[in-house]
Amino acid sequence: MDGIFYIAARSQEKTGGIYGYEQTEENVCGQVFFTPLRGVSYLAYSPQKRYFYSVYRDGTTNKVAAYDRSDDSMLVFMNHAETHGEASCHITTDRSCAFLYCANYTSGNLNEFKLENGSFTGGGRMISYSGKLGPNKRRQEHTHAHCVRFTPDQNYLCLVDLGLDEVLLFRFTPEKGIDGAPAFRYRGAPGSGPRHILFAPDGRHAWLANEVDNTVSVLEYADGKLTHLSTLSTLPDGLKFEGETKVAAVRLSPNGKHLIVSNRGYDSIACYHVAPDASLTLYDIVDSHGKSPRDVNFLPCGCMVGACNEFSDNVALFRYDPESGKLSYLPGADIQVPGPLCLI
């Protein structure tokens, strides 16, 4: 099971669904699994990878599906739950897999679902919130929940909201779930439009990918609060680019030495060295070899990276040097799937 990875292909045709691939000893990827699921957009494991979850759109209804992972990494459908939100886009579970949380981008709210043995046990709870909107009237016209992730101590659920330029921290209790109102709000730069947050292995720092202004921020985490330390661009200095470009995914290498962030529009992957204090140094920006890399991630071997190019229907593969961080594109190795959005 260690060599298996999954790709979400958001197509409304029969080819839309979850694709499973296995890496051979030569690190060449071969398809070993496919389950049709039209409109699938994001994937997540339970903490021990015993269960697997996917967000998808069935007609006009947004849902989250729960799967059991068998010994051969096939996904066995268990059940699903409706989010009653619009553009459900990101999911996570707590450490004990007793709750699943889902961010709904367009409706700007989040769900809390109870789990038992990996399955949904009821209709769940919808949680709404409000705040001061960011200055970008086109992108920040209302709340836009974009990411849900637990703090390393599991005491808080972070909700990243693009519309508010905020990360909201909701107090979490293993027996009850999250409180209905945030205990703390981190506010980023006006108009930055934060998208995803990722915590460092040290449990004391985090990286926040800001979609709208194409930056990544380094934050400090302590006692239920986030504090800004620094912000770096994800684009080349002096870039003159005609058209819109925006950040998408942020991922950390398995050895913790390198952080990668994808740019859509200026289709590329920004690569950073990670210092012991979690500070970043940009060392390279590489072509994503496709259009609009919605997600990038490290493959199970730890020596390859895949870029999910949504609008060119390909997952470009790169050789990754764990020491230098260099990404080298592998011509002819692309995986062809319709509308790839997520790779885990």
C-alpha atoms as a PDB file:
ATOM      1  CA  MET A   1       0.000   0.000   0.000  1.00  0.00           C
ATOM      2  CA  ASP A   2       2.932   2.347   0.559  1.00  0.00           C
ATOM      3  CA  GLY A   3       3.546   2.788  -3.181  1.00  0.00           C
ATOM      4  CA  ILE A   4      -0.027   3.770  -4.044  1.00  0.00           C
ATOM      5  CA  PHE A   5      -1.198   7.303  -4.741  1.00  0.00           C
ATOM      6  CA  TYR A   6      -4.569   8.653  -5.869  1.00  0.00           C
ATOM      7  CA  ILE A   7      -5.656  11.382  -8.284  1.00  0.00           C
ATOM      8  CA  ALA A   8      -9.024  13.163  -8.313  1.00  0.00           C
ATOM      9  CA  ALA A   9     -10.189  13.777 -11.902  1.00  0.00           C
ATOM     10  CA  ARG A  10     -13.100  16.215 -11.933  1.00  0.00           C
ATOM     11  CA  SER A  11     -15.020  15.377 -15.060  1.00  0.00           C
ATOM     12  CA  GLN A  12     -18.776  14.985 -15.433  1.00  0.00           C
ATOM     13  CA  GLU A  13     -18.158  12.281 -18.020  1.00  0.00           C
ATOM     14  CA  LYS A  14     -17.723   8.583 -17.311  1.00  0.00           C
ATOM     15  CA  THR A  15     -13.966   9.077 -17.106  1.00  0.00           C
ATOM     16  CA  GLY A  16     -14.328  11.335 -14.054  1.00  0.00           C
ATOM     17  CA  GLY A  17     -13.405   9.733 -10.745  1.00  0.00           C
ATOM     18  CA  ILE A  18     -10.585   8.569  -8.509  1.00  0.00           C
ATOM     19  CA  TYR A  19      -7.560   6.990 -10.183  1.00  0.00           C
ATOM     20  CA  GLY A  20      -5.062   4.894  -8.253  1.00  0.00           C
ATOM     21  CA  TYR A  21      -1.461   4.479  -9.392  1.00  0.00           C
ATOM     22  CA  GLU A  22       1.433   2.393  -8.156  1.00  0.00           C
ATOM     23  CA  GLN A  23       5.121   3.140  -8.390  1.00  0.00           C
ATOM     24  CA  THR A  24       7.401   0.352  -9.518  1.00  0.00           C
ATOM     25  CA  GLU A  25      11.013   0.001  -8.421  1.00  0.00           C
ATOM     26  CA  GLU A  26      11.924   2.159 -11.421  1.00  0.00           C
ATOM     27  CA  ASN A  27       9.509   4.829 -10.131  1.00  0.00           C
ATOM     28  CA  VAL A  28       7.345   4.471 -13.226  1.00  0.00           C
ATOM     29  CA  CYS A  29       3.653   4.897 -12.430  1.00  0.00           C
ATOM     30  CA  GLY A  30       1.060   2.367 -13.561  1.00  0.00           C
ATOM     31  CA  GLN A  31      -2.696   2.575 -13.066  1.00  0.00           C
ATOM     32  CA  VAL A  32      -4.053  -0.062 -10.696  1.00  0.00           C
ATOM     33  CA  PHE A  33      -7.421   1.342  -9.702  1.00  0.00           C
ATOM     34  CA  PHE A  34     -10.333   3.472 -10.883  1.00  0.00           C
ATOM     35  CA  THR A  35     -13.686   4.258  -9.306  1.00  0.00           C
ATOM     36  CA  PRO A  36     -16.110   6.463 -11.242  1.00  0.00           C
ATOM     37  CA  LEU A  37     -17.125   9.577  -9.300  1.00  0.00           C
ATOM     38  CA  ARG A  38     -18.247  12.528 -11.370  1.00  0.00           C
ATOM     39  CA  GLY A  39     -17.307  15.954 -10.123  1.00  0.00           C
ATOM     40  CA  VAL A  40     -14.703  14.768  -7.594  1.00  0.00           C
ATOM     41  CA  SER A  41     -12.500  17.648  -6.467  1.00  0.00           C
ATOM     42  CA  TYR A  42     -10.539  16.856  -3.303  1.00  0.00           C
ATOM     43  CA  LEU A  43      -9.203  13.776  -1.481  1.00  0.00           C
ATOM     44  CA  ALA A  44      -8.056  13.095   2.072  1.00  0.00           C
ATOM     45  CA  TYR A  45      -6.905  10.201   4.233  1.00  0.00           C
ATOM     46  CA  SER A  46      -7.863   9.557   7.817  1.00  0.00           C
ATOM     47  CA  PRO A  47      -4.778  10.060  10.065  1.00  0.00           C
ATOM     48  CA  GLN A  48      -3.682   6.401   9.881  1.00  0.00           C
ATOM     49  CA  LYS A  49      -4.734   6.094   6.223  1.00  0.00           C
ATOM     50  CA  ARG A  50      -7.240   3.425   7.212  1.00  0.00           C
ATOM     51  CA  TYR A  51     -10.076   5.382   5.614  1.00  0.00           C
ATOM     52  CA  PHE A  52     -10.304   7.650   2.606  1.00  0.00           C
ATOM     53  CA  TYR A  53     -12.615  10.575   1.827  1.00  0.00           C
ATOM     54  CA  SER A  54     -13.537  12.498  -1.304  1.00  0.00           C
ATOM     55  CA  VAL A  55     -15.525  15.656  -2.032  1.00  0.00           C
ATOM     56  CA  TYR A  56     -17.653  15.540  -5.160  1.00  0.00           C
ATOM     57  CA  ARG A  57     -20.628  17.121  -6.867  1.00  0.00           C
ATOM     58  CA  ASP A  58     -23.547  14.882  -7.782  1.00  0.00           C
ATOM     59  CA  GLY A  59     -25.674  16.992 -10.149  1.00  0.00           C
ATOM     60  CA  THR A  60     -26.255  20.148  -8.132  1.00  0.00           C
ATOM     61  CA  THR A  61     -25.620  18.482  -4.766  1.00  0.00           C
ATOM     62  CA  ASN A  62     -22.261  18.574  -2.998  1.00  0.00           C
ATOM     63  CA  LYS A  63     -21.334  15.436  -1.079  1.00  0.00           C
ATOM     64  CA  VAL A  64     -18.487  13.763   0.809  1.00  0.00           C
ATOM     65  CA  ALA A  65     -17.917  10.037   0.274  1.00  0.00           C
ATOM     66  CA  ALA A  66     -16.277   7.653   2.760  1.00  0.00           C
ATOM     67  CA  TYR A  67     -14.230   4.639   1.650  1.00  0.00           C
ATOM     68  CA  ASP A  68     -12.525   1.737   3.337  1.00  0.00           C
ATOM     69  CA  ARG A  69      -9.013   1.011   2.084  1.00  0.00           C
ATOM     70  CA  SER A  70      -8.484  -2.710   1.582  1.00  0.00           C
ATOM     71  CA  ASP A  71      -5.087  -4.396   1.793  1.00  0.00           C
ATOM     72  CA  ASP A  72      -4.518  -3.961  -1.936  1.00  0.00           C
ATOM     73  CA  SER A  73      -5.404  -0.240  -1.746  1.00  0.00           C
ATOM     74  CA  MET A  74      -8.717  -0.625  -3.522  1.00  0.00           C
ATOM     75  CA  LEU A  75     -11.313   1.829  -2.243  1.00  0.00           C
ATOM     76  CA  VAL A  76     -14.498   0.216  -0.914  1.00  0.00           C
ATOM     77  CA  PHE A  77     -17.402   2.658  -0.738  1.00  0.00           C
ATOM     78  CA  MET A  78     -19.077   2.854   2.685  1.00  0.00           C
ATOM     79  CA  ASN A  79     -21.482   5.799   2.596  1.00  0.00           C
ATOM     80  CA  HIS A  80     -21.781   9.502   1.876  1.00  0.00           C
ATOM     81  CA  ALA A  81     -23.153  12.703   3.390  1.00  0.00           C
ATOM     82  CA  GLU A  82     -24.543  15.830   1.791  1.00  0.00           C
ATOM     83  CA  THR A  83     -22.751  19.057   2.688  1.00  0.00           C
ATOM     84  CA  HIS A  84     -25.724  21.355   1.893  1.00  0.00           C
ATOM     85  CA  GLY A  85     -23.017  23.850   0.938  1.00  0.00           C
ATOM     86  CA  GLU A  86     -21.864  25.232  -2.387  1.00  0.00           C
ATOM     87  CA  ALA A  87     -18.496  24.348  -3.962  1.00  0.00           C
ATOM     88  CA  SER A  88     -17.361  22.017  -1.165  1.00  0.00           C
ATOM     89  CA  CYS A  89     -13.603  22.034  -1.599  1.00  0.00           C
ATOM     90  CA  HIS A  90     -11.499  20.788   1.339  1.00  0.00           C
ATOM     91  CA  ILE A  91     -11.849  18.119   4.035  1.00  0.00           C
ATOM     92  CA  THR A  92      -9.999  16.817   7.082  1.00  0.00           C
ATOM     93  CA  THR A  93     -10.584  14.544  10.078  1.00  0.00           C
ATOM     94  CA  ASP A  94      -9.439  14.797  13.660  1.00  0.00           C
ATOM     95  CA  ARG A  95      -6.691  12.516  14.957  1.00  0.00           C
ATOM     96  CA  SER A  96      -9.096   9.838  16.230  1.00  0.00           C
ATOM     97  CA  CYS A  97     -11.281   9.978  13.098  1.00  0.00           C
ATOM     98  CA  ALA A  98     -14.368  10.803  15.148  1.00  0.00           C
ATOM     99  CA  PHE A  99     -15.198  13.945  13.154  1.00  0.00           C
ATOM    100  CA  LEU A 100     -14.838  15.105   9.565  1.00  0.00           C
ATOM    101  CA  TYR A 101     -14.858  18.789   8.599  1.00  0.00           C
ATOM    102  CA  CYS A 102     -15.603  20.212   5.163  1.00  0.00           C
ATOM    103  CA  ALA A 103     -15.022  23.754   3.844  1.00  0.00           C
ATOM    104  CA  ASN A 104     -17.614  25.108   1.402  1.00  0.00           C
ATOM    105  CA  TYR A 105     -16.047  27.798  -0.771  1.00  0.00           C
ATOM    106  CA  THR A 106     -18.972  29.478  -2.517  1.00  0.00           C
ATOM    107  CA  SER A 107     -21.427  29.368   0.391  1.00  0.00           C
ATOM    108  CA  GLY A 108     -18.637  30.392   2.793  1.00  0.00           C
ATOM    109  CA  ASN A 109     -19.331  27.973   5.650  1.00  0.00           C
ATOM    110  CA  LEU A 110     -18.207  24.611   7.008  1.00  0.00           C
ATOM    111  CA  ASN A 111     -19.639  21.237   7.986  1.00  0.00           C
ATOM    112  CA  GLU A 112     -19.013  19.038  10.988  1.00  0.00           C
ATOM    113  CA  PHE A 113     -19.840  15.340  10.528  1.00  0.00           C
ATOM    114  CA  LYS A 114     -19.607  12.612  13.151  1.00  0.00           C
ATOM    115  CA  LEU A 115     -17.831   9.408  12.127  1.00  0.00           C
ATOM    116  CA  GLU A 116     -17.993   5.857  13.414  1.00  0.00           C
ATOM    117  CA  ASN A 117     -15.613   3.233  12.036  1.00  0.00           C
ATOM    118  CA  GLY A 118     -14.875   5.687   9.236  1.00  0.00           C
ATOM    119  CA  SER A 119     -18.512   6.127   8.158  1.00  0.00           C
ATOM    120  CA  PHE A 120     -20.854   9.082   8.476  1.00  0.00           C
ATOM    121  CA  THR A 121     -23.416   8.628  11.245  1.00  0.00           C
ATOM    122  CA  GLY A 122     -25.822  11.489  10.495  1.00  0.00           C
ATOM    123  CA  GLY A 123     -26.573  14.670   8.639  1.00  0.00           C
ATOM    124  CA  GLY A 124     -23.959  16.714  10.427  1.00  0.00           C
ATOM    125  CA  ARG A 125     -23.880  20.336  11.545  1.00  0.00           C
ATOM    126  CA  MET A 126     -23.489  23.477   9.434  1.00  0.00           C
ATOM    127  CA  ILE A 127     -21.409  26.279  10.954  1.00  0.00           C
ATOM    128  CA  SER A 128     -21.582  29.829   9.615  1.00  0.00           C
ATOM    129  CA  TYR A 129     -19.487  32.844  10.549  1.00  0.00           C
ATOM    130  CA  SER A 130     -18.914  36.410   9.407  1.00  0.00           C
ATOM    131  CA  GLY A 131     -16.213  39.086   9.458  1.00  0.00           C
ATOM    132  CA  LYS A 132     -14.678  42.039   7.691  1.00  0.00           C
ATOM    133  CA  LEU A 133     -14.250  41.368   3.993  1.00  0.00           C
ATOM    134  CA  GLY A 134     -11.000  41.939   2.150  1.00  0.00           C
ATOM    135  CA  PRO A 135     -10.612  44.855  -0.310  1.00  0.00           C
ATOM    136  CA  ASN A 136     -10.732  42.834  -3.553  1.00  0.00           C
ATOM    137  CA  LYS A 137     -14.386  43.333  -4.525  1.00  0.00           C
ATOM    138  CA  ARG A 138     -14.245  40.736  -7.304  1.00  0.00           C
ATOM    139  CA  ARG A 139     -12.696  37.913  -5.270  1.00  0.00           C
ATOM    140  CA  GLN A 140     -13.725  38.882  -1.739  1.00  0.00           C
ATOM    141  CA  GLU A 141     -17.417  39.718  -2.105  1.00  0.00           C
ATOM    142  CA  HIS A 142     -18.330  37.418   0.820  1.00  0.00           C
ATOM    143  CA  THR A 143     -16.856  34.675   2.988  1.00  0.00           C
ATOM    144  CA  HIS A 144     -15.005  31.934   1.085  1.00  0.00           C
ATOM    145  CA  ALA A 145     -14.044  28.930   3.230  1.00  0.00           C
ATOM    146  CA  HIS A 146     -11.141  27.266   1.432  1.00  0.00           C
ATOM    147  CA  CYS A 147      -9.289  24.952   3.825  1.00  0.00           C
ATOM    148  CA  VAL A 148      -9.830  23.121   7.110  1.00  0.00           C
ATOM    149  CA  ARG A 149      -6.859  21.758   9.056  1.00  0.00           C
ATOM    150  CA  PHE A 150      -6.127  20.898  12.688  1.00  0.00           C
ATOM    151  CA  THR A 151      -3.391  22.550  14.683  1.00  0.00           C
ATOM    152  CA  PRO A 152      -0.618  20.090  15.646  1.00  0.00           C
ATOM    153  CA  ASP A 153      -1.846  19.933  19.254  1.00  0.00           C
ATOM    154  CA  GLN A 154      -5.368  19.075  17.983  1.00  0.00           C
ATOM    155  CA  ASN A 155      -6.827  21.799  20.205  1.00  0.00           C
ATOM    156  CA  TYR A 156      -8.115  23.906  17.317  1.00  0.00           C
ATOM    157  CA  LEU A 157      -9.534  23.530  13.845  1.00  0.00           C
ATOM    158  CA  CYS A 158      -8.163  26.139  11.448  1.00  0.00           C
ATOM    159  CA  LEU A 159     -10.503  27.470   8.793  1.00  0.00           C
ATOM    160  CA  VAL A 160      -8.794  29.458   6.036  1.00  0.00           C
ATOM    161  CA  ASP A 161     -11.121  32.044   4.486  1.00  0.00           C
ATOM    162  CA  LEU A 162     -10.121  33.767   1.259  1.00  0.00           C
ATOM    163  CA  GLY A 163     -12.878  36.373   1.452  1.00  0.00           C
ATOM    164  CA  LEU A 164     -11.920  37.606   4.917  1.00  0.00           C
ATOM    165  CA  ASP A 165      -8.114  37.384   4.573  1.00  0.00           C
ATOM    166  CA  GLU A 166      -8.296  35.318   7.762  1.00  0.00           C
ATOM    167  CA  VAL A 167      -7.503  32.020   9.432  1.00  0.00           C
ATOM    168  CA  LEU A 168     -10.180  31.321  12.042  1.00  0.00           C
ATOM    169  CA  LEU A 169      -9.299  28.966  14.919  1.00  0.00           C
ATOM    170  CA  PHE A 170     -12.226  27.052  16.418  1.00  0.00           C
ATOM    171  CA  ARG A 171     -11.689  25.340  19.774  1.00  0.00           C
ATOM    172  CA  PHE A 172     -11.967  21.548  19.404  1.00  0.00           C
ATOM    173  CA  THR A 173     -13.013  19.027  22.048  1.00  0.00           C
ATOM    174  CA  PRO A 174     -12.718  15.315  21.143  1.00  0.00           C
ATOM    175  CA  GLU A 175     -16.056  14.523  22.785  1.00  0.00           C
ATOM    176  CA  LYS A 176     -18.073  17.419  21.342  1.00  0.00           C
ATOM    177  CA  GLY A 177     -16.366  18.722  18.201  1.00  0.00           C
ATOM    178  CA  ILE A 178     -15.724  22.417  17.568  1.00  0.00           C
ATOM    179  CA  ASP A 179     -17.258  25.460  19.203  1.00  0.00           C
ATOM    180  CA  GLY A 180     -19.722  27.424  17.120  1.00  0.00           C
ATOM    181  CA  ALA A 181     -17.620  30.600  17.146  1.00  0.00           C
ATOM    182  CA  PRO A 182     -13.883  31.100  16.550  1.00  0.00           C
ATOM    183  CA  ALA A 183     -11.621  31.562  19.573  1.00  0.00           C
ATOM    184  CA  PHE A 184      -8.978  33.427  17.553  1.00  0.00           C
ATOM    185  CA  ARG A 185      -8.693  35.107  14.167  1.00  0.00           C
ATOM    186  CA  TYR A 186      -5.406  35.604  12.334  1.00  0.00           C
ATOM    187  CA  ARG A 187      -5.736  38.364   9.768  1.00  0.00           C
ATOM    188  CA  GLY A 188      -3.351  38.413   6.840  1.00  0.00           C
ATOM    189  CA  ALA A 189      -2.406  41.230   4.518  1.00  0.00           C
ATOM    190  CA  PRO A 190      -5.424  42.987   2.973  1.00  0.00           C
ATOM    191  CA  GLY A 191      -6.300  41.376  -0.356  1.00  0.00           C
ATOM    192  CA  SER A 192      -3.903  38.456   0.095  1.00  0.00           C
ATOM    193  CA  GLY A 193      -6.742  35.935  -0.195  1.00  0.00           C
ATOM    194  CA  PRO A 194      -5.373  33.011   1.876  1.00  0.00           C
ATOM    195  CA  ARG A 195      -6.152  29.574   0.472  1.00  0.00           C
ATOM    196  CA  HIS A 196      -4.376  26.699   2.283  1.00  0.00           C
ATOM    197  CA  ILE A 197      -2.436  26.344   5.534  1.00  0.00           C
ATOM    198  CA  LEU A 198       0.201  23.695   6.269  1.00  0.00           C
ATOM    199  CA  PHE A 199       1.856  23.134   9.634  1.00  0.00           C
ATOM    200  CA  ALA A 200       5.558  22.428  10.035  1.00  0.00           C
ATOM    201  CA  PRO A 201       6.732  19.173  11.662  1.00  0.00           C
ATOM    202  CA  ASP A 202       7.993  21.126  14.682  1.00  0.00           C
ATOM    203  CA  GLY A 203       4.391  21.976  15.601  1.00  0.00           C
ATOM    204  CA  ARG A 204       5.360  25.613  16.186  1.00  0.00           C
ATOM    205  CA  HIS A 205       5.185  27.049  12.688  1.00  0.00           C
ATOM    206  CA  ALA A 206       2.922  27.054   9.664  1.00  0.00           C
ATOM    207  CA  TRP A 207       2.964  28.153   6.043  1.00  0.00           C
ATOM    208  CA  LEU A 208      -0.014  29.974   4.569  1.00  0.00           C
ATOM    209  CA  ALA A 209      -0.458  29.970   0.786  1.00  0.00           C
ATOM    210  CA  ASN A 210      -2.122  33.223  -0.291  1.00  0.00           C
ATOM    211  CA  GLU A 211      -4.004  32.747  -3.538  1.00  0.00           C
ATOM    212  CA  VAL A 212      -4.897  36.256  -4.604  1.00  0.00           C
ATOM    213  CA  ASP A 213      -1.560  38.066  -4.166  1.00  0.00           C
ATOM    214  CA  ASN A 214       0.668  35.077  -5.056  1.00  0.00           C
ATOM    215  CA  THR A 215       2.586  34.830  -1.797  1.00  0.00           C
ATOM    216  CA  VAL A 216       3.359  32.352   0.960  1.00  0.00           C
ATOM    217  CA  SER A 217       3.548  33.496   4.594  1.00  0.00           C
ATOM    218  CA  VAL A 218       5.516  31.967   7.453  1.00  0.00           C
ATOM    219  CA  LEU A 219       3.530  31.944  10.709  1.00  0.00           C
ATOM    220  CA  GLU A 220       4.310  31.053  14.300  1.00  0.00           C
ATOM    221  CA  TYR A 221       1.797  28.935  16.234  1.00  0.00           C
ATOM    222  CA  ALA A 222       1.499  28.892  20.040  1.00  0.00           C
ATOM    223  CA  ASP A 223      -1.342  28.613  22.552  1.00  0.00           C
ATOM    224  CA  GLY A 224      -4.108  28.761  19.986  1.00  0.00           C
ATOM    225  CA  LYS A 225      -2.750  31.817  18.172  1.00  0.00           C
ATOM    226  CA  LEU A 226      -1.002  32.455  14.863  1.00  0.00           C
ATOM    227  CA  THR A 227       1.536  35.251  14.445  1.00  0.00           C
ATOM    228  CA  HIS A 228       2.984  36.530  11.176  1.00  0.00           C
ATOM    229  CA  LEU A 229       6.751  36.197  10.716  1.00  0.00           C
ATOM    230  CA  SER A 230       7.431  36.816   7.020  1.00  0.00           C
ATOM    231  CA  THR A 231       5.932  36.697   3.525  1.00  0.00           C
ATOM    232  CA  LEU A 232       7.586  35.784   0.222  1.00  0.00           C
ATOM    233  CA  SER A 233       6.431  35.996  -3.378  1.00  0.00           C
ATOM    234  CA  THR A 234       5.803  32.834  -5.385  1.00  0.00           C
ATOM    235  CA  LEU A 235       6.699  34.621  -8.634  1.00  0.00           C
ATOM    236  CA  PRO A 236      10.003  35.739 -10.204  1.00  0.00           C
ATOM    237  CA  ASP A 237      11.246  39.224  -9.346  1.00  0.00           C
ATOM    238  CA  GLY A 238      10.190  41.787 -11.910  1.00  0.00           C
ATOM    239  CA  LEU A 239       7.795  39.417 -13.671  1.00  0.00           C
ATOM    240  CA  LYS A 240       5.688  41.097 -16.345  1.00  0.00           C
ATOM    241  CA  PHE A 241       2.848  38.659 -16.897  1.00  0.00           C
ATOM    242  CA  GLU A 242      -0.269  39.486 -18.889  1.00  0.00           C
ATOM    243  CA  GLY A 243      -3.308  37.849 -17.386  1.00  0.00           C
ATOM    244  CA  GLU A 244      -4.352  36.607 -13.967  1.00  0.00           C
ATOM    245  CA  THR A 245      -2.183  34.324 -11.890  1.00  0.00           C
ATOM    246  CA  LYS A 246      -2.938  32.853  -8.485  1.00  0.00           C
ATOM    247  CA  VAL A 247      -1.555  30.421  -5.934  1.00  0.00           C
ATOM    248  CA  ALA A 248      -3.058  26.970  -5.427  1.00  0.00           C
ATOM    249  CA  ALA A 249      -1.322  24.196  -3.447  1.00  0.00           C
ATOM    250  CA  VAL A 250       1.365  24.168  -0.757  1.00  0.00           C
ATOM    251  CA  ARG A 251       3.215  20.929   0.104  1.00  0.00           C
ATOM    252  CA  LEU A 252       6.227  19.923   2.198  1.00  0.00           C
ATOM    253  CA  SER A 253       8.789  17.346   1.108  1.00  0.00           C
ATOM    254  CA  PRO A 254       8.904  14.101   3.140  1.00  0.00           C
ATOM    255  CA  ASN A 255      12.310  15.043   4.575  1.00  0.00           C
ATOM    256  CA  GLY A 256      11.037  18.491   5.601  1.00  0.00           C
ATOM    257  CA  LYS A 257      13.767  20.312   3.661  1.00  0.00           C
ATOM    258  CA  HIS A 258      11.733  21.836   0.839  1.00  0.00           C
ATOM    259  CA  LEU A 259       8.372  23.522   0.359  1.00  0.00           C
ATOM    260  CA  ILE A 260       6.644  23.748  -3.018  1.00  0.00           C
ATOM    261  CA  VAL A 261       3.800  26.089  -3.997  1.00  0.00           C
ATOM    262  CA  SER A 262       1.945  26.040  -7.311  1.00  0.00           C
ATOM    263  CA  ASN A 263       0.994  29.072  -9.403  1.00  0.00           C
ATOM    264  CA  ARG A 264      -1.970  28.981 -11.788  1.00  0.00           C
ATOM    265  CA  GLY A 265      -1.865  31.376 -14.718  1.00  0.00           C
ATOM    266  CA  TYR A 266       1.900  31.744 -14.542  1.00  0.00           C
ATOM    267  CA  ASP A 267       1.834  27.944 -14.579  1.00  0.00           C
ATOM    268  CA  SER A 268       4.731  26.967 -12.381  1.00  0.00           C
ATOM    269  CA  ILE A 269       6.001  25.531  -9.109  1.00  0.00           C
ATOM    270  CA  ALA A 270       7.835  27.796  -6.668  1.00  0.00           C
ATOM    271  CA  CYS A 271      10.471  25.891  -4.656  1.00  0.00           C
ATOM    272  CA  TYR A 272      11.798  26.968  -1.255  1.00  0.00           C
ATOM    273  CA  HIS A 273      14.504  25.759   1.100  1.00  0.00           C
ATOM    274  CA  VAL A 274      13.125  25.314   4.633  1.00  0.00           C
ATOM    275  CA  ALA A 275      15.376  26.418   7.501  1.00  0.00           C
ATOM    276  CA  PRO A 276      15.222  24.854  10.988  1.00  0.00           C
ATOM    277  CA  ASP A 277      13.141  27.847  12.129  1.00  0.00           C
ATOM    278  CA  ALA A 278      10.691  27.212   9.224  1.00  0.00           C
ATOM    279  CA  SER A 279      11.803  30.352   7.355  1.00  0.00           C
ATOM    280  CA  LEU A 280      11.897  30.058   3.573  1.00  0.00           C
ATOM    281  CA  THR A 281      14.379  30.854   0.813  1.00  0.00           C
ATOM    282  CA  LEU A 282      13.190  30.744  -2.792  1.00  0.00           C
ATOM    283  CA  TYR A 283      15.668  28.776  -4.918  1.00  0.00           C
ATOM    284  CA  ASP A 284      13.780  27.882  -8.103  1.00  0.00           C
ATOM    285  CA  ILE A 285      10.564  28.350 -10.086  1.00  0.00           C
ATOM    286  CA  VAL A 286       9.903  25.579 -12.609  1.00  0.00           C
ATOM    287  CA  ASP A 287       7.394  25.228 -15.428  1.00  0.00           C
ATOM    288  CA  SER A 288       4.444  22.989 -14.463  1.00  0.00           C
ATOM    289  CA  HIS A 289       4.372  21.560 -18.017  1.00  0.00           C
ATOM    290  CA  GLY A 290       0.627  22.032 -18.263  1.00  0.00           C
ATOM    291  CA  LYS A 291      -2.150  24.529 -17.690  1.00  0.00           C
ATOM    292  CA  SER A 292      -3.267  25.579 -14.206  1.00  0.00           C
ATOM    293  CA  PRO A 293      -1.537  23.276 -11.655  1.00  0.00           C
ATOM    294  CA  ARG A 294      -4.390  22.988  -9.120  1.00  0.00           C
ATOM    295  CA  ASP A 295      -2.347  20.659  -6.915  1.00  0.00           C
ATOM    296  CA  VAL A 296       1.241  19.520  -6.541  1.00  0.00           C
ATOM    297  CA  ASN A 297       2.477  16.782  -4.242  1.00  0.00           C
ATOM    298  CA  PHE A 298       5.324  14.421  -3.503  1.00  0.00           C
ATOM    299  CA  LEU A 299       4.817  10.824  -4.573  1.00  0.00           C
ATOM    300  CA  PRO A 300       5.187   7.943  -2.068  1.00  0.00           C
ATOM    301  CA  CYS A 301       8.797   7.249  -3.053  1.00  0.00           C
ATOM    302  CA  GLY A 302       9.796  10.715  -1.832  1.00  0.00           C
ATOM    303  CA  CYS A 303      11.866  11.262  -4.980  1.00  0.00           C
ATOM    304  CA  MET A 304       9.172  12.385  -7.438  1.00  0.00           C
ATOM    305  CA  VAL A 305       6.614  15.211  -7.625  1.00  0.00           C
ATOM    306  CA  GLY A 306       3.350  15.304  -9.545  1.00  0.00           C
ATOM    307  CA  ALA A 307       1.670  18.489 -10.797  1.00  0.00           C
ATOM    308  CA  CYS A 308      -2.085  18.257 -11.458  1.00  0.00           C
ATOM    309  CA  ASN A 309      -2.610  20.521 -14.462  1.00  0.00           C
ATOM    310  CA  GLU A 310      -6.367  21.013 -14.425  1.00  0.00           C
ATOM    311  CA  PHE A 311      -6.905  22.595 -17.842  1.00  0.00           C
ATOM    312  CA  SER A 312      -4.516  20.438 -19.877  1.00  0.00           C
ATOM    313  CA  ASP A 313      -5.714  17.092 -18.442  1.00  0.00           C
ATOM    314  CA  ASN A 314      -2.274  15.917 -17.402  1.00  0.00           C
ATOM    315  CA  VAL A 315      -0.303  15.187 -14.258  1.00  0.00           C
ATOM    316  CA  ALA A 316       3.270  16.166 -15.071  1.00  0.00           C
ATOM    317  CA  LEU A 317       5.934  14.154 -13.238  1.00  0.00           C
ATOM    318  CA  PHE A 318       9.249  15.473 -11.985  1.00  0.00           C
ATOM    319  CA  ARG A 319      12.318  13.829 -10.491  1.00  0.00           C
ATOM    320  CA  TYR A 320      12.989  15.367  -7.071  1.00  0.00           C
ATOM    321  CA  ASP A 321      16.461  15.495  -5.506  1.00  0.00           C
ATOM    322  CA  PRO A 322      15.895  15.253  -1.720  1.00  0.00           C
ATOM    323  CA  GLU A 323      19.195  16.994  -0.983  1.00  0.00           C
ATOM    324  CA  SER A 324      19.255  19.905  -3.428  1.00  0.00           C
ATOM    325  CA  GLY A 325      15.504  20.161  -3.944  1.00  0.00           C
ATOM    326  CA  LYS A 326      15.912  20.315  -7.726  1.00  0.00           C
ATOM    327  CA  LEU A 327      12.844  19.343  -9.776  1.00  0.00           C
ATOM    328  CA  SER A 328      13.597  17.798 -13.188  1.00  0.00           C
ATOM    329  CA  TYR A 329      10.707  17.244 -15.591  1.00  0.00           C
ATOM    330  CA  LEU A 330      10.345  13.689 -16.953  1.00  0.00           C
ATOM    331  CA  PRO A 331       9.326  13.953 -20.638  1.00  0.00           C
ATOM    332  CA  GLY A 332       6.900  11.276 -21.751  1.00  0.00           C
ATOM    333  CA  ALA A 333       5.944  10.266 -18.201  1.00  0.00           C
ATOM    334  CA  ASP A 334       2.802  12.416 -17.887  1.00  0.00           C
ATOM    335  CA  ILE A 335      -0.341  10.797 -16.531  1.00  0.00           C
ATOM    336  CA  GLN A 336      -3.374  11.658 -18.673  1.00  0.00           C
ATOM    337  CA  VAL A 337      -6.617  12.098 -16.715  1.00  0.00           C
ATOM    338  CA  PRO A 338      -9.552  14.504 -17.269  1.00  0.00           C
ATOM    339  CA  GLY A 339      -9.336  17.602 -15.097  1.00  0.00           C
ATOM    340  CA  PRO A 340      -6.899  16.478 -12.372  1.00  0.00           C
ATOM    341  CA  LEU A 341      -7.439  18.530  -9.181  1.00  0.00           C
ATOM    342  CA  CYS A 342      -5.819  16.647  -6.306  1.00  0.00           C
ATOM    343  CA  LEU A 343      -3.045  14.103  -5.705  1.00  0.00           C
ATOM    344  CA  ILE A 344      -2.418  12.293  -2.415  1.00  0.00           C
END
